[in-house]
C-alpha atoms as a PDB file:
ATOM      1  CA  UNK A   1      56.784  80.958 153.792  1.00  0.00           C
ATOM      2  CA  UNK A   2      60.322  80.196 154.929  1.00  0.00           C
ATOM      3  CA  UNK A   3      62.251  83.179 156.336  1.00  0.00           C
ATOM      4  CA  UNK A   4      65.706  82.958 157.609  1.00  0.00           C
ATOM      5  CA  UNK A   5      66.092  84.071 161.081  1.00  0.00           C
ATOM      6  CA  UNK A   6      69.244  86.245 160.091  1.00  0.00           C
ATOM      7  CA  UNK A   7      66.812  88.401 158.142  1.00  0.00           C
ATOM      8  CA  UNK A   8      64.404  88.805 161.101  1.00  0.00           C
ATOM      9  CA  UNK A   9      67.435  89.517 163.370  1.00  0.00           C
ATOM     10  CA  UNK A  10      68.514  92.251 161.139  1.00  0.00           C
ATOM     11  CA  UNK A  11      65.011  93.753 160.968  1.00  0.00           C
ATOM     12  CA  UNK A  12      64.971  93.719 164.625  1.00  0.00           C
ATOM     13  CA  UNK A  13      68.442  95.341 165.092  1.00  0.00           C
ATOM     14  CA  UNK A  14      67.473  98.202 162.580  1.00  0.00           C
ATOM     15  CA  UNK A  15      64.285  99.035 164.567  1.00  0.00           C
ATOM     16  CA  UNK A  16      65.966  98.696 168.050  1.00  0.00           C
ATOM     17  CA  UNK A  17      68.966 100.822 167.064  1.00  0.00           C
ATOM     18  CA  UNK A  18      66.933 103.315 164.843  1.00  0.00           C
ATOM     19  CA  UNK A  19      69.483 103.183 161.888  1.00  0.00           C
ATOM     20  CA  UNK A  20      71.100 100.901 159.486  1.00  0.00           C
ATOM     21  CA  UNK A  21      74.520 101.968 160.490  1.00  0.00           C
ATOM     22  CA  UNK A  22      74.066 101.269 164.116  1.00  0.00           C
ATOM     23  CA  UNK A  23      72.452  97.908 163.277  1.00  0.00           C
ATOM     24  CA  UNK A  24      75.512  97.016 161.392  1.00  0.00           C
ATOM     25  CA  UNK A  25      77.645  97.672 164.357  1.00  0.00           C
ATOM     26  CA  UNK A  26      75.546  95.671 166.626  1.00  0.00           C
ATOM     27  CA  UNK A  27      75.458  92.728 164.184  1.00  0.00           C
ATOM     28  CA  UNK A  28      79.171  92.947 163.376  1.00  0.00           C
ATOM     29  CA  UNK A  29      78.431  93.160 159.625  1.00  0.00           C
ATOM     30  CA  UNK A  30      78.622  95.979 156.969  1.00  0.00           C
ATOM     31  CA  UNK A  31      75.940  98.533 156.526  1.00  0.00           C
ATOM     32  CA  UNK A  32      75.688  97.309 152.916  1.00  0.00           C
ATOM     33  CA  UNK A  33      74.995  93.863 154.256  1.00  0.00           C
ATOM     34  CA  UNK A  34      72.123  95.114 156.601  1.00  0.00           C
ATOM     35  CA  UNK A  35      70.442  96.868 153.567  1.00  0.00           C
ATOM     36  CA  UNK A  36      70.746  93.783 151.433  1.00  0.00           C
ATOM     37  CA  UNK A  37      69.054  91.726 154.199  1.00  0.00           C
ATOM     38  CA  UNK A  38      66.219  94.320 154.753  1.00  0.00           C
ATOM     39  CA  UNK A  39      65.605  94.248 150.822  1.00  0.00           C
ATOM     40  CA  UNK A  40      65.587  90.633 150.737  1.00  0.00           C
ATOM     41  CA  UNK A  41      63.034  90.317 153.517  1.00  0.00           C
ATOM     42  CA  UNK A  42      60.882  93.083 152.030  1.00  0.00           C
ATOM     43  CA  UNK A  43      60.967  91.190 148.677  1.00  0.00           C
ATOM     44  CA  UNK A  44      59.788  88.018 150.565  1.00  0.00           C
ATOM     45  CA  UNK A  45      56.980  89.782 152.331  1.00  0.00           C
ATOM     46  CA  UNK A  46      56.031  91.842 149.461  1.00  0.00           C
ATOM     47  CA  UNK A  47      55.614  94.989 151.471  1.00  0.00           C
ATOM     48  CA  UNK A  48      57.791  97.775 152.845  1.00  0.00           C
ATOM     49  CA  UNK A  49      58.974  97.077 156.416  1.00  0.00           C
ATOM     50  CA  UNK A  50      60.600 100.199 157.397  1.00  0.00           C
ATOM     51  CA  UNK A  51      59.931 103.943 157.255  1.00  0.00           C
ATOM     52  CA  UNK A  52      63.296 105.357 156.259  1.00  0.00           C
ATOM     53  CA  UNK A  53      63.235 108.254 158.431  1.00  0.00           C
ATOM     54  CA  UNK A  54      65.405 109.303 161.472  1.00  0.00           C
ATOM     55  CA  UNK A  55      65.237 107.127 163.579  1.00  0.00           C
ATOM     56  CA  UNK A  56      64.022 104.324 161.289  1.00  0.00           C
ATOM     57  CA  UNK A  57      60.447 103.072 162.338  1.00  0.00           C
ATOM     58  CA  UNK A  58      58.710  99.740 161.504  1.00  0.00           C
ATOM     59  CA  UNK A  59      55.712  99.802 159.159  1.00  0.00           C
ATOM     60  CA  UNK A  60      52.660  97.848 160.322  1.00  0.00           C
ATOM     61  CA  UNK A  61      53.656  95.014 158.051  1.00  0.00           C
ATOM     62  CA  UNK A  62      56.878  94.687 160.184  1.00  0.00           C
ATOM     63  CA  UNK A  63      55.245  94.449 163.513  1.00  0.00           C
ATOM     64  CA  UNK A  64      54.276  90.753 163.455  1.00  0.00           C
ATOM     65  CA  UNK A  65      57.738  89.900 162.135  1.00  0.00           C
ATOM     66  CA  UNK A  66      59.308  91.753 165.020  1.00  0.00           C
ATOM     67  CA  UNK A  67      57.110  89.936 167.518  1.00  0.00           C
ATOM     68  CA  UNK A  68      58.105  86.699 166.036  1.00  0.00           C
ATOM     69  CA  UNK A  69      61.805  87.601 165.914  1.00  0.00           C
ATOM     70  CA  UNK A  70      61.885  88.583 169.562  1.00  0.00           C
ATOM     71  CA  UNK A  71      59.946  85.620 170.744  1.00  0.00           C
ATOM     72  CA  UNK A  72      62.281  83.364 168.789  1.00  0.00           C
ATOM     73  CA  UNK A  73      65.423  84.885 170.214  1.00  0.00           C
ATOM     74  CA  UNK A  74      63.940  84.616 173.636  1.00  0.00           C
ATOM     75  CA  UNK A  75      63.402  80.907 173.290  1.00  0.00           C
ATOM     76  CA  UNK A  76      66.907  80.549 171.653  1.00  0.00           C
ATOM     77  CA  UNK A  77      68.545  82.192 174.603  1.00  0.00           C
ATOM     78  CA  UNK A  78      66.988  79.491 176.847  1.00  0.00           C
ATOM     79  CA  UNK A  79      67.905  76.573 174.456  1.00  0.00           C
ATOM     80  CA  UNK A  80      71.450  77.954 173.975  1.00  0.00           C
ATOM     81  CA  UNK A  81      72.629  79.480 177.252  1.00  0.00           C
ATOM     82  CA  UNK A  82      75.929  80.640 175.550  1.00  0.00           C
ATOM     83  CA  UNK A  83      73.839  83.283 173.626  1.00  0.00           C
ATOM     84  CA  UNK A  84      73.490  85.127 176.721  1.00  0.00           C
ATOM     85  CA  UNK A  85      77.025  86.017 176.740  1.00  0.00           C
ATOM     86  CA  UNK A  86      76.588  88.795 174.175  1.00  0.00           C
ATOM     87  CA  UNK A  87      74.606  92.000 174.792  1.00  0.00           C
ATOM     88  CA  UNK A  88      72.903  91.940 171.387  1.00  0.00           C
ATOM     89  CA  UNK A  89      71.544  88.402 171.951  1.00  0.00           C
ATOM     90  CA  UNK A  90      71.046  88.449 175.776  1.00  0.00           C
ATOM     91  CA  UNK A  91      69.145  91.727 176.042  1.00  0.00           C
ATOM     92  CA  UNK A  92      65.415  91.970 176.974  1.00  0.00           C
ATOM     93  CA  UNK A  93      63.464  95.043 176.467  1.00  0.00           C
ATOM     94  CA  UNK A  94      60.630  96.113 178.938  1.00  0.00           C
ATOM     95  CA  UNK A  95      58.395  99.066 178.676  1.00  0.00           C
ATOM     96  CA  UNK A  96      57.851 100.676 182.099  1.00  0.00           C
ATOM     97  CA  UNK A  97      56.378 103.938 183.341  1.00  0.00           C
ATOM     98  CA  UNK A  98      58.989 106.222 184.844  1.00  0.00           C
ATOM     99  CA  UNK A  99      57.466 106.207 188.325  1.00  0.00           C
ATOM    100  CA  UNK A 100      57.579 102.387 188.695  1.00  0.00           C
ATOM    101  CA  UNK A 101      61.136 102.299 187.338  1.00  0.00           C
ATOM    102  CA  UNK A 102      62.152 105.030 189.960  1.00  0.00           C
ATOM    103  CA  UNK A 103      60.591 103.359 192.945  1.00  0.00           C
ATOM    104  CA  UNK A 104      59.975  99.717 193.118  1.00  0.00           C
ATOM    105  CA  UNK A 105      60.924  97.949 189.816  1.00  0.00           C
ATOM    106  CA  UNK A 106      64.734  98.008 190.159  1.00  0.00           C
ATOM    107  CA  UNK A 107      64.609  96.720 193.760  1.00  0.00           C
ATOM    108  CA  UNK A 108      62.148  93.949 192.758  1.00  0.00           C
ATOM    109  CA  UNK A 109      64.393  92.765 189.892  1.00  0.00           C
ATOM    110  CA  UNK A 110      67.792  92.985 191.711  1.00  0.00           C
ATOM    111  CA  UNK A 111      67.691  89.418 193.066  1.00  0.00           C
ATOM    112  CA  UNK A 112      66.500  88.081 189.553  1.00  0.00           C
ATOM    113  CA  UNK A 113      69.438  90.013 188.002  1.00  0.00           C
ATOM    114  CA  UNK A 114      71.925  88.216 190.076  1.00  0.00           C
ATOM    115  CA  UNK A 115      70.637  84.924 189.002  1.00  0.00           C
ATOM    116  CA  UNK A 116      70.401  85.575 185.289  1.00  0.00           C
ATOM    117  CA  UNK A 117      73.095  86.571 182.904  1.00  0.00           C
ATOM    118  CA  UNK A 118      70.674  88.859 181.070  1.00  0.00           C
ATOM    119  CA  UNK A 119      70.976  92.526 179.983  1.00  0.00           C
ATOM    120  CA  UNK A 120      67.775  94.543 180.396  1.00  0.00           C
ATOM    121  CA  UNK A 121      66.694  97.730 178.359  1.00  0.00           C
ATOM    122  CA  UNK A 122      64.059  99.638 180.014  1.00  0.00           C
ATOM    123  CA  UNK A 123      61.876 101.764 177.492  1.00  0.00           C
ATOM    124  CA  UNK A 124      60.084 104.408 179.428  1.00  0.00           C
ATOM    125  CA  UNK A 125      56.719 105.637 178.562  1.00  0.00           C
ATOM    126  CA  UNK A 126      53.441 106.652 180.119  1.00  0.00           C
ATOM    127  CA  UNK A 127      51.630 103.723 181.881  1.00  0.00           C
ATOM    128  CA  UNK A 128      48.695 104.273 179.383  1.00  0.00           C
ATOM    129  CA  UNK A 129      51.149 103.937 176.412  1.00  0.00           C
ATOM    130  CA  UNK A 130      53.303 100.971 177.308  1.00  0.00           C
ATOM    131  CA  UNK A 131      51.081  98.152 176.005  1.00  0.00           C
ATOM    132  CA  UNK A 132      51.429  99.776 172.581  1.00  0.00           C
ATOM    133  CA  UNK A 133      55.102  98.815 172.693  1.00  0.00           C
ATOM    134  CA  UNK A 134      54.162  95.249 173.481  1.00  0.00           C
ATOM    135  CA  UNK A 135      51.516  95.058 170.789  1.00  0.00           C
ATOM    136  CA  UNK A 136      53.953  96.435 168.161  1.00  0.00           C
ATOM    137  CA  UNK A 137      56.419  93.636 169.142  1.00  0.00           C
ATOM    138  CA  UNK A 138      59.040  96.096 170.319  1.00  0.00           C
ATOM    139  CA  UNK A 139      59.381  94.808 174.008  1.00  0.00           C
ATOM    140  CA  UNK A 140      58.714  91.441 175.437  1.00  0.00           C
ATOM    141  CA  UNK A 141      56.698  92.721 178.324  1.00  0.00           C
ATOM    142  CA  UNK A 142      55.360  95.967 179.750  1.00  0.00           C
ATOM    143  CA  UNK A 143      54.021  97.654 182.958  1.00  0.00           C
ATOM    144  CA  UNK A 144      50.881  99.595 182.274  1.00  0.00           C
ATOM    145  CA  UNK A 145      47.583 100.751 183.677  1.00  0.00           C
ATOM    146  CA  UNK A 146      45.316  98.942 181.031  1.00  0.00           C
ATOM    147  CA  UNK A 147      43.817  95.808 182.539  1.00  0.00           C
ATOM    148  CA  UNK A 148      42.647  94.214 179.309  1.00  0.00           C
ATOM    149  CA  UNK A 149      45.388  91.975 177.718  1.00  0.00           C
ATOM    150  CA  UNK A 150      46.620  92.839 174.111  1.00  0.00           C
ATOM    151  CA  UNK A 151      45.626  90.171 171.576  1.00  0.00           C
ATOM    152  CA  UNK A 152      47.844  87.178 172.014  1.00  0.00           C
ATOM    153  CA  UNK A 153      49.274  88.467 175.347  1.00  0.00           C
ATOM    154  CA  UNK A 154      48.645  87.605 179.019  1.00  0.00           C
ATOM    155  CA  UNK A 155      48.133  90.020 181.934  1.00  0.00           C
ATOM    156  CA  UNK A 156      48.930  89.822 185.715  1.00  0.00           C
ATOM    157  CA  UNK A 157      47.674  92.367 188.109  1.00  0.00           C
ATOM    158  CA  UNK A 158      50.491  93.993 190.091  1.00  0.00           C
ATOM    159  CA  UNK A 159      48.954  96.527 192.488  1.00  0.00           C
ATOM    160  CA  UNK A 160      47.953 100.132 192.914  1.00  0.00           C
ATOM    161  CA  UNK A 161      50.450 103.035 193.048  1.00  0.00           C
ATOM    162  CA  UNK A 162      49.144 105.737 195.362  1.00  0.00           C
ATOM    163  CA  UNK A 163      49.882 109.404 194.217  1.00  0.00           C
ATOM    164  CA  UNK A 164      49.661 112.720 196.013  1.00  0.00           C
ATOM    165  CA  UNK A 165      49.013 116.187 194.508  1.00  0.00           C
ATOM    166  CA  UNK A 166      51.649 118.190 196.199  1.00  0.00           C
ATOM    167  CA  UNK A 167      53.360 121.608 196.382  1.00  0.00           C
ATOM    168  CA  UNK A 168      55.829 123.420 198.548  1.00  0.00           C
ATOM    169  CA  UNK A 169      54.387 125.216 201.497  1.00  0.00           C
ATOM    170  CA  UNK A 170      55.531 128.618 200.063  1.00  0.00           C
ATOM    171  CA  UNK A 171      54.095 127.798 196.625  1.00  0.00           C
ATOM    172  CA  UNK A 172      50.664 126.898 198.265  1.00  0.00           C
ATOM    173  CA  UNK A 173      50.554 129.958 200.243  1.00  0.00           C
ATOM    174  CA  UNK A 174      51.202 132.098 197.173  1.00  0.00           C
ATOM    175  CA  UNK A 175      48.952 130.290 194.755  1.00  0.00           C
ATOM    176  CA  UNK A 176      46.295 128.537 196.826  1.00  0.00           C
ATOM    177  CA  UNK A 177      45.441 130.943 199.788  1.00  0.00           C
ATOM    178  CA  UNK A 178      41.914 129.526 199.627  1.00  0.00           C
ATOM    179  CA  UNK A 179      42.857 125.963 198.533  1.00  0.00           C
ATOM    180  CA  UNK A 180      43.047 124.376 195.102  1.00  0.00           C
ATOM    181  CA  UNK A 181      39.829 125.662 193.437  1.00  0.00           C
ATOM    182  CA  UNK A 182      39.017 126.349 189.853  1.00  0.00           C
ATOM    183  CA  UNK A 183      40.243 129.855 189.792  1.00  0.00           C
ATOM    184  CA  UNK A 184      43.547 128.940 191.333  1.00  0.00           C
ATOM    185  CA  UNK A 185      43.892 125.836 188.992  1.00  0.00           C
ATOM    186  CA  UNK A 186      43.498 128.051 185.927  1.00  0.00           C
ATOM    187  CA  UNK A 187      46.467 130.495 187.037  1.00  0.00           C
ATOM    188  CA  UNK A 188      48.885 128.475 189.180  1.00  0.00           C
ATOM    189  CA  UNK A 189      51.813 126.882 187.177  1.00  0.00           C
ATOM    190  CA  UNK A 190      51.699 123.127 187.350  1.00  0.00           C
ATOM    191  CA  UNK A 191      54.325 120.370 186.617  1.00  0.00           C
ATOM    192  CA  UNK A 192      53.566 117.771 183.957  1.00  0.00           C
ATOM    193  CA  UNK A 193      55.914 114.934 183.073  1.00  0.00           C
ATOM    194  CA  UNK A 194      55.589 115.012 179.236  1.00  0.00           C
ATOM    195  CA  UNK A 195      52.897 115.466 176.645  1.00  0.00           C
ATOM    196  CA  UNK A 196      51.473 111.971 177.215  1.00  0.00           C
ATOM    197  CA  UNK A 197      50.984 112.615 180.987  1.00  0.00           C
ATOM    198  CA  UNK A 198      47.406 113.192 181.733  1.00  0.00           C
ATOM    199  CA  UNK A 199      47.443 112.340 185.549  1.00  0.00           C
ATOM    200  CA  UNK A 200      47.088 115.912 186.784  1.00  0.00           C
ATOM    201  CA  UNK A 201      44.393 116.834 184.316  1.00  0.00           C
ATOM    202  CA  UNK A 202      42.511 113.699 185.307  1.00  0.00           C
ATOM    203  CA  UNK A 203      42.868 114.640 188.947  1.00  0.00           C
ATOM    204  CA  UNK A 204      41.653 118.227 188.438  1.00  0.00           C
ATOM    205  CA  UNK A 205      38.760 116.938 186.380  1.00  0.00           C
ATOM    206  CA  UNK A 206      37.863 114.693 189.387  1.00  0.00           C
ATOM    207  CA  UNK A 207      38.527 117.226 192.118  1.00  0.00           C
ATOM    208  CA  UNK A 208      37.118 120.381 190.663  1.00  0.00           C
ATOM    209  CA  UNK A 209      34.522 118.815 188.202  1.00  0.00           C
ATOM    210  CA  UNK A 210      36.142 120.596 185.114  1.00  0.00           C
ATOM    211  CA  UNK A 211      35.389 118.849 181.801  1.00  0.00           C
ATOM    212  CA  UNK A 212      38.636 119.939 180.198  1.00  0.00           C
ATOM    213  CA  UNK A 213      41.177 121.458 182.688  1.00  0.00           C
ATOM    214  CA  UNK A 214      43.356 123.962 181.145  1.00  0.00           C
ATOM    215  CA  UNK A 215      46.390 125.400 183.074  1.00  0.00           C
ATOM    216  CA  UNK A 216      49.916 126.759 182.572  1.00  0.00           C
ATOM    217  CA  UNK A 217      52.485 123.998 183.039  1.00  0.00           C
ATOM    218  CA  UNK A 218      56.083 123.085 182.984  1.00  0.00           C
ATOM    219  CA  UNK A 219      57.209 119.906 181.252  1.00  0.00           C
ATOM    220  CA  UNK A 220      59.727 118.180 183.373  1.00  0.00           C
ATOM    221  CA  UNK A 221      60.318 114.707 181.977  1.00  0.00           C
ATOM    222  CA  UNK A 222      62.696 113.130 184.593  1.00  0.00           C
ATOM    223  CA  UNK A 223      61.748 111.204 187.591  1.00  0.00           C
ATOM    224  CA  UNK A 224      64.148 112.964 190.153  1.00  0.00           C
ATOM    225  CA  UNK A 225      63.990 116.378 188.453  1.00  0.00           C
ATOM    226  CA  UNK A 226      60.294 116.495 188.920  1.00  0.00           C
ATOM    227  CA  UNK A 227      60.502 116.074 192.605  1.00  0.00           C
ATOM    228  CA  UNK A 228      63.227 118.689 192.716  1.00  0.00           C
ATOM    229  CA  UNK A 229      61.148 121.137 190.546  1.00  0.00           C
ATOM    230  CA  UNK A 230      58.162 120.741 193.030  1.00  0.00           C
ATOM    231  CA  UNK A 231      60.541 121.334 196.078  1.00  0.00           C
ATOM    232  CA  UNK A 232      61.950 124.400 194.347  1.00  0.00           C
ATOM    233  CA  UNK A 233      58.493 125.855 193.773  1.00  0.00           C
ATOM    234  CA  UNK A 234      58.359 125.640 189.922  1.00  0.00           C
ATOM    235  CA  UNK A 235      54.854 124.252 190.453  1.00  0.00           C
ATOM    236  CA  UNK A 236      52.591 121.834 191.859  1.00  0.00           C
ATOM    237  CA  UNK A 237      51.980 118.343 190.497  1.00  0.00           C
ATOM    238  CA  UNK A 238      51.321 114.598 190.992  1.00  0.00           C
ATOM    239  CA  UNK A 239      54.051 112.557 192.769  1.00  0.00           C
ATOM    240  CA  UNK A 240      53.937 108.874 193.849  1.00  0.00           C
ATOM    241  CA  UNK A 241      53.757 108.567 197.486  1.00  0.00           C
ATOM    242  CA  UNK A 242      56.712 106.337 197.587  1.00  0.00           C
ATOM    243  CA  UNK A 243      58.866 109.073 196.049  1.00  0.00           C
ATOM    244  CA  UNK A 244      57.605 111.993 198.164  1.00  0.00           C
ATOM    245  CA  UNK A 245      56.709 110.351 201.482  1.00  0.00           C
ATOM    246  CA  UNK A 246      59.753 111.569 203.310  1.00  0.00           C
ATOM    247  CA  UNK A 247      59.169 115.079 202.107  1.00  0.00           C
ATOM    248  CA  UNK A 248      55.546 115.102 203.180  1.00  0.00           C
ATOM    249  CA  UNK A 249      56.632 113.997 206.560  1.00  0.00           C
ATOM    250  CA  UNK A 250      59.164 116.542 206.957  1.00  0.00           C
ATOM    251  CA  UNK A 251      56.870 119.414 205.821  1.00  0.00           C
ATOM    252  CA  UNK A 252      58.870 120.373 202.735  1.00  0.00           C
ATOM    253  CA  UNK A 253      56.026 119.387 200.587  1.00  0.00           C
ATOM    254  CA  UNK A 254      52.261 119.354 201.468  1.00  0.00           C
ATOM    255  CA  UNK A 255      49.280 117.632 200.104  1.00  0.00           C
ATOM    256  CA  UNK A 256      46.953 120.312 198.290  1.00  0.00           C
ATOM    257  CA  UNK A 257      44.078 117.842 197.785  1.00  0.00           C
ATOM    258  CA  UNK A 258      44.126 115.739 200.954  1.00  0.00           C
ATOM    259  CA  UNK A 259      40.468 114.713 200.650  1.00  0.00           C
ATOM    260  CA  UNK A 260      40.865 113.047 197.275  1.00  0.00           C
ATOM    261  CA  UNK A 261      42.844 109.895 197.062  1.00  0.00           C
ATOM    262  CA  UNK A 262      44.494 108.907 193.735  1.00  0.00           C
ATOM    263  CA  UNK A 263      45.882 105.316 193.045  1.00  0.00           C
ATOM    264  CA  UNK A 264      46.849 104.160 189.557  1.00  0.00           C
ATOM    265  CA  UNK A 265      46.352 100.389 189.048  1.00  0.00           C
ATOM    266  CA  UNK A 266      49.289  98.600 187.312  1.00  0.00           C
ATOM    267  CA  UNK A 267      49.466  95.278 185.495  1.00  0.00           C
ATOM    268  CA  UNK A 268      52.262  93.213 183.881  1.00  0.00           C
ATOM    269  CA  UNK A 269      51.658  92.287 180.261  1.00  0.00           C
ATOM    270  CA  UNK A 270      53.878  89.721 178.533  1.00  0.00           C
ATOM    271  CA  UNK A 271      53.993  87.178 175.668  1.00  0.00           C
ATOM    272  CA  UNK A 272      52.359  83.912 176.584  1.00  0.00           C
ATOM    273  CA  UNK A 273      55.474  81.883 175.831  1.00  0.00           C
ATOM    274  CA  UNK A 274      56.488  78.693 177.621  1.00  0.00           C
ATOM    275  CA  UNK A 275      59.713  80.392 178.878  1.00  0.00           C
ATOM    276  CA  UNK A 276      61.247  79.736 182.097  1.00  0.00           C
ATOM    277  CA  UNK A 277      63.108  83.139 181.876  1.00  0.00           C
ATOM    278  CA  UNK A 278      59.754  85.124 181.397  1.00  0.00           C
ATOM    279  CA  UNK A 279      58.113  83.030 184.119  1.00  0.00           C
ATOM    280  CA  UNK A 280      60.812  83.918 186.561  1.00  0.00           C
ATOM    281  CA  UNK A 281      60.818  87.686 185.563  1.00  0.00           C
ATOM    282  CA  UNK A 282      57.036  87.751 186.159  1.00  0.00           C
ATOM    283  CA  UNK A 283      57.375  86.166 189.569  1.00  0.00           C
ATOM    284  CA  UNK A 284      60.035  88.676 190.576  1.00  0.00           C
ATOM    285  CA  UNK A 285      57.850  91.638 189.439  1.00  0.00           C
ATOM    286  CA  UNK A 286      54.677  90.300 191.229  1.00  0.00           C
ATOM    287  CA  UNK A 287      56.751  89.791 194.392  1.00  0.00           C
ATOM    288  CA  UNK A 288      58.220  93.299 194.355  1.00  0.00           C
ATOM    289  CA  UNK A 289      54.967  94.756 193.529  1.00  0.00           C
ATOM    290  CA  UNK A 290      53.273  92.905 196.292  1.00  0.00           C
ATOM    291  CA  UNK A 291      55.764  94.536 198.752  1.00  0.00           C
ATOM    292  CA  UNK A 292      55.675  98.024 197.275  1.00  0.00           C
ATOM    293  CA  UNK A 293      52.142  98.475 196.070  1.00  0.00           C
ATOM    294  CA  UNK A 294      48.584  98.335 197.436  1.00  0.00           C
ATOM    295  CA  UNK A 295      46.239  95.473 196.360  1.00  0.00           C
ATOM    296  CA  UNK A 296      44.011  96.438 193.452  1.00  0.00           C
ATOM    297  CA  UNK A 297      40.524  97.018 194.670  1.00  0.00           C
END
């Protein structure tokens, strides 16, 4: 089957932007032209490729086409460097967990960014979920906690990110007078990043031997705000040591489970393309992770 790349590019734009209208603006064509290209592609494939909802989402049939479109565009960017001059053609999407993005990823990629005229789009999700973005063809690489590579992808170990279960001293005195035990955990307000974040629940299961921990909690889905909420006494929660080390040293936060170490292993997953750009990106991430993370045991 011969498929025009313009049709694949249109499919990618609609999925990335989430609407036909925004895709038209991105591609500098009319919305009617976008609709016509999507219909033409669906006729060629013989299956619907988009769920017409807000935002627009790809059907399972669209996912291999999205992978192919993004892989082809990536290789075209290297074959035709002038393509890097536009954001729509020179942008690479990476799925990254918020704690990595907020601590070591940006410093790791800063030298790489100065050498490559490439725009990056970071898609933030839980480290257990980022490989799904890669498997669906929506990103060219991801940082996740899953060690097994997705089908057709490769994986590189990065390191372990240490976490600490912390609270403000005042919060700990009020809610944990006898330490963090089962009774206290069932009553004390906790902080959870979002509904995908199971890190605290897993920690309590390990510390307190609870099969299904249930506890009152605030959702604070922002890297800096989570730290601020902890300092202000909204609740206790899991923070990367790289983020809260200074507060622990100053005494404005305390470790409420000092006898239980927590470290999340992280891996870089990407397409196995013969791409100098992806190779250099991988090397930059590995170098940054080596400097910022602990070796995986």
